Amino acid sequence: MKKQLLLPALLAGLVLPAAAQQKAPSQTTPTRPEAKTSFSLSPDTTIASTHEVTIKGQRIPYKTIAGTQPVWDESGKVLAGIFYTYYERTDVKDKSTRPLVISFNGGPGTPSVWMQIAYTGPRLLNIDDEGYPVQPYGIHENNQSILDVADILYIDPANTGFSRLASKDVPRDKFFGVNADIRYLAEWINTFVSRHNRWASPKYLIGESYGTTRVSGLALELQNSQWMYLNGVILVSPTELGINRNGPVDAALRLPYYAATAWYHKALAADLQQKDLTAFLPEVEDFTIKELLPAISQGGFLDDAQRRQIAAKMARYSGLSEQVILQHNLDVPTNFFWKELLRDKGFTVGRLDSRYKGIDRELAGDSPDYNAELTSWLHAFTPAINIYLREELGVKTDLKYMMFGPVHPWDRGNDNTGENLRQAMAQNPYLHVMIQSGYYDGACDYFNAKYSMWQLDPGGRLKDRLSWKGYRSGHMMYLRKDDLATGNEDIRNFIKASLPKAGQPAKY
């Protein structure tokens, strides 16, 4: 592994390896003297290293840059240092045709660690085939990475990962809100693209969870404020994107997710369990739109016999009893579902991935004590990202890598990100959008993602550039080995399909 200081640190803080230009004997066991570390982090510094990975049987050489890049105010004062990791394939000479994928996770308040070392990046954390932690902790090659077809930039927004505000005096409203987040990150991306000579490259944004809110807003902000046009946006487990669905719509749309979870835990009648998941769910979706939504809309004036008929069908599809459904007026909250479904077996089910089971202090209650899946993920990811950044990439700092950072209160006002994405697509004929959802995700459920896609294009004139993909796992569907392969292949195909032919104009 070769390390090289590319840019001088502007401020003291992050201490780079003293032997920055010496070769180490292997990628995973670099040789260097101990370096002094610091609780501050220079806002402008880089560490470069070279690596290889085998993807789909092909050996891919690549360069990694781990570093920070500043956010400035209007007068040029540094407000924050934003940490990033950038992967660039080194045997491609013409960057003008080489796609660049810019990746964010969500929260808000969490860094890009999740997709970086578990989905699209060239290094993969140690977990079992279903995504559960294993020891020893660590990382290995990701043979499914999309680095064969695109370079990848992972960005940790302010106060996540190693990213920090420059001082306690920096105005928090410049960073911590739907629109503030979008504005400063668009400026930051402009600087990065300029520094690394990527203006000619086809560009893609990928966001997971709240990251989908972020990238949906960025698609339009980059066009309008940075004059940077995208080829694609990938929404992994999307949020509501500011699309209103309060009341009956919100209540009804949960049922297909309940049905998928109940099917997974074998909580349904035998005739439904014997069907394959993807053969069973369309039946539930059809009932949801055509019967459940109109029924809930009638509220207390729904005929009593019809109410019981609807409750019986909901019970059949959800694994819950008809009685508790009626007690909730056909509007069963997700917290209650996670507690109730396996109550008789002594378990709760996970929020972000309902394949995971938890154990509460008491069987009684209306919601689980904790998120079983998130606890499991933090168990695996936290050691892995620290091992990777500190030991393999040589980042030397005493800063804590923030899996969840202090970004609250978060201003959620004026969230028009779904409409922003629609406008960006309308204005840019090159722009395509793909949505990826796990069937067992209870936080950003798959049927709500479909609903968002439908509402993104109310006129039906963009639907040839909108697509949805479903996977048999949860919020981070790529943690399941089969979905890691399928999800990355879907991204790979999406990128290839959305690249225009040479000379093809962007016009209607």
Protein backbone atom coordinates (compact mmCIF):
# COMPACT_ATOMS: atom_id res chain seq x y z
CA MET A 1 0.00 0.00 0.00
CA LYS A 2 1.37 3.38 -0.96
CA LYS A 3 0.45 6.47 1.05
CA GLN A 4 0.98 10.00 -0.17
CA LEU A 5 0.19 13.45 1.24
CA LEU A 6 -1.70 15.26 -1.54
CA LEU A 7 -2.68 18.58 0.06
CA PRO A 8 -1.10 20.35 3.04
CA ALA A 9 -3.26 20.69 6.12
CA LEU A 10 -4.47 24.25 6.46
CA LEU A 11 -4.92 24.01 10.21
CA ALA A 12 -3.15 21.80 12.74
CA GLY A 13 -5.15 18.80 13.86
CA LEU A 14 -5.34 15.61 11.86
CA VAL A 15 -1.89 14.04 12.07
CA LEU A 16 -0.83 12.04 9.04
CA PRO A 17 1.54 9.07 9.20
CA ALA A 18 5.15 10.18 9.45
CA ALA A 19 6.13 7.54 6.91
CA ALA A 20 3.58 8.80 4.43
CA GLN A 21 5.67 7.95 1.38
CA GLN A 22 6.96 4.56 2.49
CA LYS A 23 5.56 1.30 1.16
CA ALA A 24 3.81 -1.10 3.51
CA PRO A 25 4.12 -4.86 3.00
CA SER A 26 0.36 -5.40 2.49
CA GLN A 27 -2.96 -3.66 2.23
CA THR A 28 -4.17 -4.66 5.67
CA THR A 29 -0.96 -4.47 7.71
CA PRO A 30 0.70 -1.10 6.93
CA THR A 31 4.08 -0.37 8.53
CA ARG A 32 4.58 3.09 10.00
CA PRO A 33 5.82 4.63 13.24
CA GLU A 34 3.28 5.68 15.84
CA ALA A 35 1.94 9.15 15.12
CA LYS A 36 0.74 11.74 17.57
CA THR A 37 -3.02 12.20 17.47
CA SER A 38 -5.33 15.07 18.25
CA PHE A 39 -8.89 15.86 19.25
CA SER A 40 -9.09 18.49 16.52
CA LEU A 41 -9.39 17.68 12.84
CA SER A 42 -7.85 19.76 10.11
CA PRO A 43 -10.60 20.92 7.74
CA ASP A 44 -8.46 20.44 4.62
CA THR A 45 -6.23 17.40 4.34
CA THR A 46 -5.91 14.12 2.43
CA ILE A 47 -4.34 10.69 2.79
CA ALA A 48 -4.02 8.63 -0.38
CA SER A 49 -3.44 4.91 -0.74
CA THR A 50 -3.55 2.35 -3.55
CA HIS A 51 -5.41 -0.97 -3.53
CA GLU A 52 -6.96 -3.68 -5.66
CA VAL A 53 -10.25 -5.57 -5.50
CA THR A 54 -11.72 -8.43 -7.50
CA ILE A 55 -15.21 -7.65 -8.83
CA LYS A 56 -17.11 -10.15 -10.93
CA GLY A 57 -13.84 -12.00 -11.57
CA GLN A 58 -11.92 -8.92 -12.71
CA ARG A 59 -9.03 -7.42 -10.71
CA ILE A 60 -9.68 -3.68 -10.31
CA PRO A 61 -6.86 -1.32 -9.24
CA TYR A 62 -8.00 1.79 -7.41
CA LYS A 63 -6.86 4.78 -5.40
CA THR A 64 -8.45 5.74 -2.09
CA ILE A 65 -8.37 9.27 -0.69
CA ALA A 66 -9.56 9.76 2.88
CA GLY A 67 -9.66 13.38 3.95
CA THR A 68 -11.48 16.53 4.84
CA GLN A 69 -12.60 19.47 2.72
CA PRO A 70 -13.78 22.77 4.22
CA VAL A 71 -17.13 24.52 4.20
CA TRP A 72 -16.59 28.29 3.99
CA ASP A 73 -18.88 31.20 4.72
CA GLU A 74 -19.35 34.14 2.33
CA SER A 75 -16.16 35.83 3.58
CA GLY A 76 -13.99 32.72 3.21
CA LYS A 77 -13.96 31.76 6.89
CA VAL A 78 -13.87 28.01 7.51
CA LEU A 79 -17.09 26.86 9.18
CA ALA A 80 -16.56 23.09 9.12
CA GLY A 81 -14.37 20.28 7.89
CA ILE A 82 -16.33 17.60 6.06
CA PHE A 83 -14.78 14.14 6.05
CA TYR A 84 -15.02 11.96 2.95
CA THR A 85 -13.62 8.81 1.38
CA TYR A 86 -13.12 8.78 -2.38
CA TYR A 87 -12.47 5.69 -4.52
CA GLU A 88 -11.13 6.13 -8.05
CA ARG A 89 -10.32 3.32 -10.45
CA THR A 90 -6.76 3.89 -11.68
CA ASP A 91 -6.67 1.97 -14.96
CA VAL A 92 -9.25 4.26 -16.59
CA LYS A 93 -7.57 7.12 -18.43
CA ASP A 94 -10.59 9.04 -19.71
CA LYS A 95 -12.53 10.43 -16.75
CA SER A 96 -14.97 12.20 -19.08
CA THR A 97 -16.85 8.93 -19.61
CA ARG A 98 -16.26 7.50 -16.15
CA PRO A 99 -19.35 7.88 -13.90
CA LEU A 100 -18.98 9.42 -10.44
CA VAL A 101 -21.40 8.22 -7.74
CA ILE A 102 -21.80 10.56 -4.74
CA SER A 103 -23.13 8.69 -1.70
CA PHE A 104 -24.95 9.76 1.47
CA ASN A 105 -26.64 7.99 4.33
CA GLY A 106 -29.26 9.47 6.55
CA GLY A 107 -30.50 10.00 10.07
CA PRO A 108 -30.15 12.93 9.84
CA GLY A 109 -27.03 12.65 11.94
CA THR A 110 -25.34 9.53 10.63
CA PRO A 111 -22.31 9.26 8.30
CA SER A 112 -21.87 7.36 5.05
CA VAL A 113 -20.43 4.31 6.83
CA TRP A 114 -23.42 2.07 6.15
CA MET A 115 -23.30 1.94 2.37
CA GLN A 116 -19.54 2.51 2.27
CA ILE A 117 -18.53 -0.72 3.99
CA ALA A 118 -21.67 -2.79 3.47
CA TYR A 119 -23.02 -2.03 -0.01
CA THR A 120 -21.31 -0.28 -2.90
CA GLY A 121 -17.71 0.24 -1.74
CA PRO A 122 -14.74 -2.07 -2.38
CA ARG A 123 -14.42 -3.14 1.27
CA LEU A 124 -17.07 -5.12 3.16
CA LEU A 125 -17.56 -5.58 6.90
CA ASN A 126 -17.61 -9.02 8.47
CA ILE A 127 -21.21 -10.20 8.95
CA ASP A 128 -23.03 -13.45 8.27
CA ASP A 129 -25.10 -14.08 5.14
CA GLU A 130 -28.23 -12.55 6.73
CA GLY A 131 -26.45 -9.47 8.12
CA TYR A 132 -25.85 -10.44 11.75
CA PRO A 133 -22.58 -9.57 13.57
CA VAL A 134 -19.73 -12.07 13.71
CA GLN A 135 -16.34 -12.01 15.38
CA PRO A 136 -13.57 -11.32 14.72
CA TYR A 137 -14.70 -7.87 13.62
CA GLY A 138 -13.15 -6.44 10.51
CA ILE A 139 -13.42 -6.06 6.75
CA HIS A 140 -12.63 -7.94 3.59
CA GLU A 141 -13.00 -7.49 -0.18
CA ASN A 142 -16.42 -6.63 -1.56
CA ASN A 143 -16.64 -8.63 -4.76
CA GLN A 144 -20.03 -7.02 -5.53
CA SER A 145 -18.86 -3.37 -5.40
CA ILE A 146 -19.87 -1.02 -8.22
CA LEU A 147 -16.29 0.30 -8.46
CA ASP A 148 -15.89 -1.61 -11.72
CA VAL A 149 -18.36 0.78 -13.43
CA ALA A 150 -18.12 3.99 -11.37
CA ASP A 151 -15.88 5.94 -9.01
CA ILE A 152 -17.49 6.55 -5.62
CA LEU A 153 -17.42 9.46 -3.15
CA TYR A 154 -18.76 8.88 0.37
CA ILE A 155 -19.53 12.05 2.31
CA ASP A 156 -20.06 12.42 6.07
CA PRO A 157 -22.18 15.55 6.67
CA ALA A 158 -21.33 17.98 9.47
CA ASN A 159 -21.07 16.44 12.97
CA THR A 160 -21.16 12.87 11.66
CA GLY A 161 -18.23 10.48 11.36
CA PHE A 162 -15.08 12.61 11.64
CA SER A 163 -16.78 15.73 10.24
CA ARG A 164 -16.97 18.65 12.68
CA LEU A 165 -17.98 22.28 12.87
CA ALA A 166 -14.91 24.51 13.18
CA SER A 167 -15.95 25.92 16.56
CA LYS A 168 -18.87 26.19 18.97
CA ASP A 169 -19.53 29.65 17.56
CA VAL A 170 -20.45 28.40 14.09
CA PRO A 171 -24.19 29.02 13.49
CA ARG A 172 -25.92 25.65 13.63
CA ASP A 173 -28.70 26.82 11.33
CA LYS A 174 -26.16 26.86 8.48
CA PHE A 175 -26.04 23.06 8.64
CA PHE A 176 -28.84 21.37 10.57
CA GLY A 177 -32.05 21.48 8.58
CA VAL A 178 -33.55 20.11 5.38
CA ASN A 179 -32.67 23.08 3.20
CA ALA A 180 -29.50 24.26 4.99
CA ASP A 181 -28.08 20.74 4.60
CA ILE A 182 -28.82 20.75 0.88
CA ARG A 183 -27.35 24.22 0.29
CA TYR A 184 -23.96 23.72 1.95
CA LEU A 185 -23.50 20.22 0.53
CA ALA A 186 -24.17 21.48 -3.02
CA GLU A 187 -21.40 24.05 -2.57
CA TRP A 188 -19.13 21.38 -1.11
CA ILE A 189 -19.76 19.01 -4.03
CA ASN A 190 -18.93 21.81 -6.49
CA THR A 191 -15.55 22.29 -4.80
CA PHE A 192 -14.81 18.57 -4.77
CA VAL A 193 -15.70 18.11 -8.42
CA SER A 194 -13.46 21.05 -9.33
CA ARG A 195 -10.52 19.87 -7.23
CA HIS A 196 -10.65 16.36 -8.69
CA ASN A 197 -11.36 17.38 -12.30
CA ARG A 198 -14.70 15.56 -12.54
CA TRP A 199 -16.82 18.18 -14.31
CA ALA A 200 -16.94 16.12 -17.51
CA SER A 201 -17.97 12.89 -15.75
CA PRO A 202 -21.56 11.58 -15.72
CA LYS A 203 -22.73 12.10 -12.13
CA TYR A 204 -25.06 10.17 -9.86
CA LEU A 205 -26.38 10.68 -6.35
CA ILE A 206 -27.30 7.79 -4.08
CA GLY A 207 -28.92 8.31 -0.70
CA GLU A 208 -30.29 5.97 1.92
CA SER A 209 -33.14 6.80 4.35
CA TYR A 210 -32.87 10.53 5.21
CA GLY A 211 -30.14 10.54 2.57
CA THR A 212 -32.97 10.21 0.03
CA THR A 213 -34.42 13.51 1.27
CA ARG A 214 -30.94 14.99 0.91
CA VAL A 215 -30.21 13.76 -2.62
CA SER A 216 -33.71 14.57 -3.88
CA GLY A 217 -33.19 18.18 -2.83
CA LEU A 218 -29.61 18.20 -4.10
CA ALA A 219 -30.70 17.12 -7.58
CA LEU A 220 -32.43 20.48 -8.09
CA GLU A 221 -30.03 22.55 -5.97
CA LEU A 222 -27.04 21.33 -7.99
CA GLN A 223 -28.83 22.30 -11.21
CA ASN A 224 -30.08 25.69 -10.05
CA SER A 225 -27.19 26.91 -7.89
CA GLN A 226 -24.13 25.02 -9.15
CA TRP A 227 -25.19 24.45 -12.79
CA MET A 228 -24.31 20.79 -12.33
CA TYR A 229 -26.61 18.28 -14.05
CA LEU A 230 -27.00 14.65 -13.07
CA ASN A 231 -27.59 11.43 -14.97
CA GLY A 232 -29.23 9.58 -12.12
CA VAL A 233 -30.50 9.56 -8.55
CA ILE A 234 -30.81 6.32 -6.55
CA LEU A 235 -33.14 6.33 -3.54
CA VAL A 236 -32.42 3.51 -1.10
CA SER A 237 -35.24 3.04 1.44
CA PRO A 238 -36.70 6.49 0.74
CA THR A 239 -38.40 8.77 3.25
CA GLU A 240 -41.69 10.52 2.50
CA LEU A 241 -39.76 13.26 0.59
CA GLY A 242 -42.14 15.92 1.86
CA ILE A 243 -45.07 14.28 0.05
CA ASN A 244 -48.20 14.65 2.18
CA ARG A 245 -49.92 11.39 3.15
CA ASN A 246 -51.48 12.23 6.52
CA GLY A 247 -54.71 10.61 7.70
CA PRO A 248 -56.28 7.65 5.89
CA VAL A 249 -53.49 7.33 3.32
CA ASP A 250 -50.84 7.05 6.04
CA ALA A 251 -52.92 4.49 7.95
CA ALA A 252 -53.69 2.32 4.94
CA LEU A 253 -50.27 2.22 3.29
CA ARG A 254 -48.68 0.32 6.20
CA LEU A 255 -50.60 -2.91 5.61
CA PRO A 256 -48.46 -4.42 2.81
CA TYR A 257 -45.38 -4.05 5.06
CA TYR A 258 -47.26 -5.73 7.91
CA ALA A 259 -48.18 -8.54 5.54
CA ALA A 260 -44.59 -9.06 4.38
CA THR A 261 -43.34 -9.18 7.98
CA ALA A 262 -46.06 -11.58 9.08
CA TRP A 263 -45.28 -13.80 6.08
CA TYR A 264 -41.59 -13.85 7.02
CA HIS A 265 -42.37 -14.90 10.60
CA LYS A 266 -44.88 -17.54 9.43
CA ALA A 267 -47.72 -15.79 11.26
CA LEU A 268 -50.29 -16.16 8.45
CA ALA A 269 -52.77 -18.84 7.47
CA ALA A 270 -51.35 -21.87 5.66
CA ASP A 271 -52.82 -20.93 2.27
CA LEU A 272 -51.02 -17.56 2.38
CA GLN A 273 -47.75 -18.96 3.74
CA GLN A 274 -47.48 -21.44 0.90
CA LYS A 275 -47.43 -18.58 -1.62
CA ASP A 276 -44.16 -16.90 -2.49
CA LEU A 277 -43.78 -13.43 -0.98
CA THR A 278 -43.84 -11.56 -4.28
CA ALA A 279 -46.86 -13.57 -5.44
CA PHE A 280 -48.72 -12.83 -2.21
CA LEU A 281 -48.06 -9.09 -1.80
CA PRO A 282 -49.90 -7.83 -4.92
CA GLU A 283 -53.10 -9.24 -3.41
CA VAL A 284 -52.53 -7.17 -0.25
CA GLU A 285 -51.59 -4.05 -2.22
CA ASP A 286 -54.78 -4.32 -4.27
CA PHE A 287 -56.90 -4.63 -1.12
CA THR A 288 -55.09 -1.67 0.44
CA ILE A 289 -55.81 0.70 -2.43
CA LYS A 290 -59.27 -0.48 -3.44
CA GLU A 291 -60.86 -1.41 -0.10
CA LEU A 292 -58.88 -0.37 2.98
CA LEU A 293 -58.15 3.24 2.00
CA PRO A 294 -61.83 4.04 1.17
CA ALA A 295 -62.95 2.28 4.36
CA ILE A 296 -60.63 4.25 6.66
CA SER A 297 -61.64 7.45 4.86
CA GLN A 298 -65.23 6.94 6.04
CA GLY A 299 -64.14 6.96 9.69
CA GLY A 300 -66.93 6.42 12.23
CA PHE A 301 -69.59 6.43 9.50
CA LEU A 302 -68.35 3.18 7.97
CA ASP A 303 -71.11 0.55 8.15
CA ASP A 304 -70.47 -1.80 11.11
CA ALA A 305 -70.70 -4.97 9.03
CA GLN A 306 -68.29 -3.55 6.47
CA ARG A 307 -65.94 -2.47 9.27
CA ARG A 308 -65.81 -6.03 10.57
CA GLN A 309 -65.29 -7.40 7.07
CA ILE A 310 -62.35 -5.03 6.51
CA ALA A 311 -60.89 -5.88 9.95
CA ALA A 312 -61.12 -9.58 9.19
CA LYS A 313 -59.18 -9.15 5.96
CA MET A 314 -56.60 -6.97 7.71
CA ALA A 315 -56.19 -9.67 10.34
CA ARG A 316 -55.74 -12.31 7.66
CA TYR A 317 -52.99 -10.29 5.96
CA SER A 318 -51.22 -8.84 9.02
CA GLY A 319 -51.05 -11.70 11.49
CA LEU A 320 -52.79 -9.55 14.11
CA SER A 321 -56.14 -10.37 15.67
CA GLU A 322 -59.36 -8.89 14.36
CA GLN A 323 -60.05 -7.63 17.88
CA VAL A 324 -56.92 -5.44 18.18
CA ILE A 325 -57.49 -4.07 14.68
CA LEU A 326 -61.01 -3.00 15.61
CA GLN A 327 -59.72 -1.55 18.89
CA HIS A 328 -57.43 0.69 16.78
CA ASN A 329 -60.23 1.73 14.39
CA LEU A 330 -58.43 -0.03 11.49
CA ASP A 331 -55.39 2.25 12.08
CA VAL A 332 -52.74 0.07 13.75
CA PRO A 333 -49.57 2.03 14.66
CA THR A 334 -46.24 0.55 13.66
CA ASN A 335 -44.95 0.59 17.27
CA PHE A 336 -47.86 -1.58 18.33
CA PHE A 337 -47.36 -3.97 15.40
CA TRP A 338 -43.68 -4.48 16.31
CA LYS A 339 -44.71 -5.34 19.86
CA GLU A 340 -47.83 -7.37 19.09
CA LEU A 341 -47.00 -9.65 16.16
CA LEU A 342 -44.81 -12.11 18.12
CA ARG A 343 -45.97 -11.19 21.63
CA ASP A 344 -47.27 -14.72 22.22
CA LYS A 345 -43.82 -16.09 21.37
CA GLY A 346 -41.99 -13.66 23.69
CA PHE A 347 -40.38 -11.50 20.99
CA THR A 348 -40.64 -8.08 19.40
CA VAL A 349 -39.73 -7.44 15.76
CA GLY A 350 -37.29 -4.84 14.49
CA ARG A 351 -38.29 -1.42 13.18
CA LEU A 352 -35.76 -0.99 10.37
CA ASP A 353 -35.63 -4.69 9.57
CA SER A 354 -38.44 -6.85 10.87
CA ARG A 355 -36.52 -10.07 10.36
CA TYR A 356 -34.68 -9.21 13.59
CA LYS A 357 -36.20 -10.19 16.92
CA GLY A 358 -35.82 -8.54 20.32
CA ILE A 359 -36.64 -9.41 23.94
CA ASP A 360 -38.40 -6.86 26.16
CA ARG A 361 -38.52 -6.62 29.94
CA GLU A 362 -42.27 -7.22 29.83
CA LEU A 363 -44.57 -8.86 27.32
CA ALA A 364 -47.13 -6.15 28.09
CA GLY A 365 -46.97 -2.73 26.48
CA ASP A 366 -47.59 -0.95 23.20
CA SER A 367 -44.05 -0.65 21.78
CA PRO A 368 -40.67 -2.42 21.97
CA ASP A 369 -38.02 -1.43 24.51
CA TYR A 370 -35.34 -1.04 21.83
CA ASN A 371 -34.63 -1.44 18.12
CA ALA A 372 -33.32 -4.98 17.82
CA GLU A 373 -31.91 -4.46 14.32
CA LEU A 374 -30.09 -1.17 15.01
CA THR A 375 -28.37 -2.60 18.07
CA SER A 376 -27.20 -5.51 15.94
CA TRP A 377 -25.92 -3.25 13.18
CA LEU A 378 -23.98 -0.96 15.52
CA HIS A 379 -22.43 -4.10 16.99
CA ALA A 380 -20.93 -4.94 13.59
CA PHE A 381 -20.34 -1.56 11.94
CA THR A 382 -18.65 0.46 14.68
CA PRO A 383 -15.54 -1.74 15.06
CA ALA A 384 -15.31 -2.27 11.30
CA ILE A 385 -15.27 1.41 10.28
CA ASN A 386 -12.77 2.31 12.99
CA ILE A 387 -10.49 -0.57 11.98
CA TYR A 388 -10.76 0.42 8.32
CA LEU A 389 -10.20 4.18 8.58
CA ARG A 390 -7.62 4.15 11.36
CA GLU A 391 -5.62 1.01 10.54
CA GLU A 392 -5.98 0.46 6.80
CA LEU A 393 -6.38 4.00 5.48
CA GLY A 394 -4.13 5.60 8.11
CA VAL A 395 -6.42 8.28 9.54
CA LYS A 396 -4.77 9.32 12.82
CA THR A 397 -6.99 11.22 15.21
CA ASP A 398 -8.39 10.84 18.71
CA LEU A 399 -11.74 12.11 17.49
CA LYS A 400 -14.62 9.72 18.01
CA TYR A 401 -16.12 8.43 14.77
CA MET A 402 -19.72 9.51 15.28
CA MET A 403 -22.19 6.82 14.20
CA PHE A 404 -24.90 9.23 15.35
CA GLY A 405 -23.80 12.82 15.81
CA PRO A 406 -25.23 15.95 17.49
CA VAL A 407 -27.28 17.56 14.72
CA HIS A 408 -30.51 18.26 16.54
CA PRO A 409 -32.71 20.21 16.61
CA TRP A 410 -33.11 19.60 12.89
CA ASP A 411 -35.27 22.07 10.97
CA ARG A 412 -37.71 19.95 8.95
CA GLY A 413 -39.69 22.93 7.66
CA ASN A 414 -40.31 23.52 3.97
CA ASP A 415 -39.46 19.98 2.94
CA ASN A 416 -40.32 20.01 -0.77
CA THR A 417 -37.65 17.53 -1.77
CA GLY A 418 -39.99 15.20 -3.68
CA GLU A 419 -41.24 18.11 -5.77
CA ASN A 420 -37.61 19.28 -6.14
CA LEU A 421 -36.69 15.93 -7.61
CA ARG A 422 -39.64 16.06 -10.00
CA GLN A 423 -38.59 19.52 -11.16
CA ALA A 424 -35.01 18.37 -11.66
CA MET A 425 -36.23 15.48 -13.81
CA ALA A 426 -38.52 17.73 -15.82
CA GLN A 427 -35.72 20.21 -16.48
CA ASN A 428 -33.09 17.57 -17.28
CA PRO A 429 -34.08 14.88 -19.81
CA TYR A 430 -30.93 12.90 -18.92
CA LEU A 431 -32.01 12.43 -15.27
CA HIS A 432 -33.26 8.96 -14.27
CA VAL A 433 -34.40 7.79 -10.81
CA MET A 434 -34.33 4.31 -9.29
CA ILE A 435 -35.85 3.37 -5.92
CA GLN A 436 -34.63 0.38 -3.89
CA SER A 437 -36.72 -0.95 -0.98
CA GLY A 438 -36.61 -3.85 1.45
CA TYR A 439 -39.92 -5.61 2.03
CA TYR A 440 -39.22 -5.87 5.78
CA ASP A 441 -38.38 -2.20 6.36
CA GLY A 442 -40.86 -0.70 8.83
CA ALA A 443 -39.35 2.78 8.98
CA CYS A 444 -39.38 3.60 5.26
CA ASP A 445 -41.62 0.83 4.05
CA TYR A 446 -41.69 -0.45 0.51
CA PHE A 447 -45.31 0.41 -0.30
CA ASN A 448 -44.85 4.00 0.85
CA ALA A 449 -41.84 4.11 -1.48
CA LYS A 450 -44.05 3.00 -4.35
CA TYR A 451 -46.59 5.65 -3.37
CA SER A 452 -43.85 8.31 -3.41
CA MET A 453 -42.84 7.20 -6.89
CA TRP A 454 -46.43 7.48 -8.09
CA GLN A 455 -46.76 10.97 -6.60
CA LEU A 456 -43.43 12.14 -8.02
CA ASP A 457 -45.02 11.91 -11.45
CA PRO A 458 -48.72 12.77 -11.12
CA GLY A 459 -48.98 13.52 -14.84
CA GLY A 460 -47.38 10.23 -15.93
CA ARG A 461 -44.94 11.92 -18.29
CA LEU A 462 -41.75 10.90 -16.46
CA LYS A 463 -42.53 7.29 -15.64
CA ASP A 464 -40.21 5.91 -18.31
CA ARG A 465 -37.37 7.36 -16.19
CA LEU A 466 -38.67 6.08 -12.83
CA SER A 467 -38.20 2.53 -11.55
CA TRP A 468 -38.65 0.58 -8.31
CA LYS A 469 -36.86 -2.54 -7.07
CA GLY A 470 -37.82 -4.73 -4.07
CA TYR A 471 -35.57 -6.96 -1.93
CA ARG A 472 -36.19 -9.66 0.69
CA SER A 473 -34.65 -7.80 3.60
CA GLY A 474 -35.07 -4.53 5.46
CA HIS A 475 -33.95 -0.91 5.52
CA MET A 476 -30.35 -1.82 4.70
CA MET A 477 -31.35 -4.58 2.34
CA TYR A 478 -27.76 -5.05 1.18
CA LEU A 479 -26.83 -6.69 4.52
CA ARG A 480 -28.37 -9.89 3.22
CA LYS A 481 -25.80 -11.56 0.98
CA ASP A 482 -28.20 -12.31 -1.88
CA ASP A 483 -29.52 -8.74 -1.88
CA LEU A 484 -26.00 -7.31 -1.78
CA ALA A 485 -25.36 -8.98 -5.11
CA THR A 486 -28.76 -8.17 -6.62
CA GLY A 487 -28.85 -4.56 -5.37
CA ASN A 488 -25.41 -3.74 -6.73
CA GLU A 489 -26.23 -5.37 -10.04
CA ASP A 490 -29.39 -3.27 -10.23
CA ILE A 491 -27.30 -0.12 -9.63
CA ARG A 492 -24.75 -1.25 -12.20
CA ASN A 493 -27.48 -1.79 -14.79
CA PHE A 494 -29.16 1.52 -13.88
CA ILE A 495 -25.92 3.41 -14.48
CA LYS A 496 -25.28 1.71 -17.79
CA ALA A 497 -28.85 2.26 -18.99
CA SER A 498 -28.90 5.96 -18.02
CA LEU A 499 -25.67 6.88 -19.83
CA PRO A 500 -26.62 8.57 -23.11
CA LYS A 501 -24.95 7.53 -26.31
CA ALA A 502 -22.13 9.77 -27.51
CA GLY A 503 -23.61 12.92 -28.98
CA GLN A 504 -27.16 12.12 -27.86
CA PRO A 505 -28.74 15.48 -26.96
CA ALA A 506 -30.64 16.14 -23.72
CA LYS A 507 -33.96 17.22 -25.23
CA TYR A 508 -37.60 16.21 -25.42
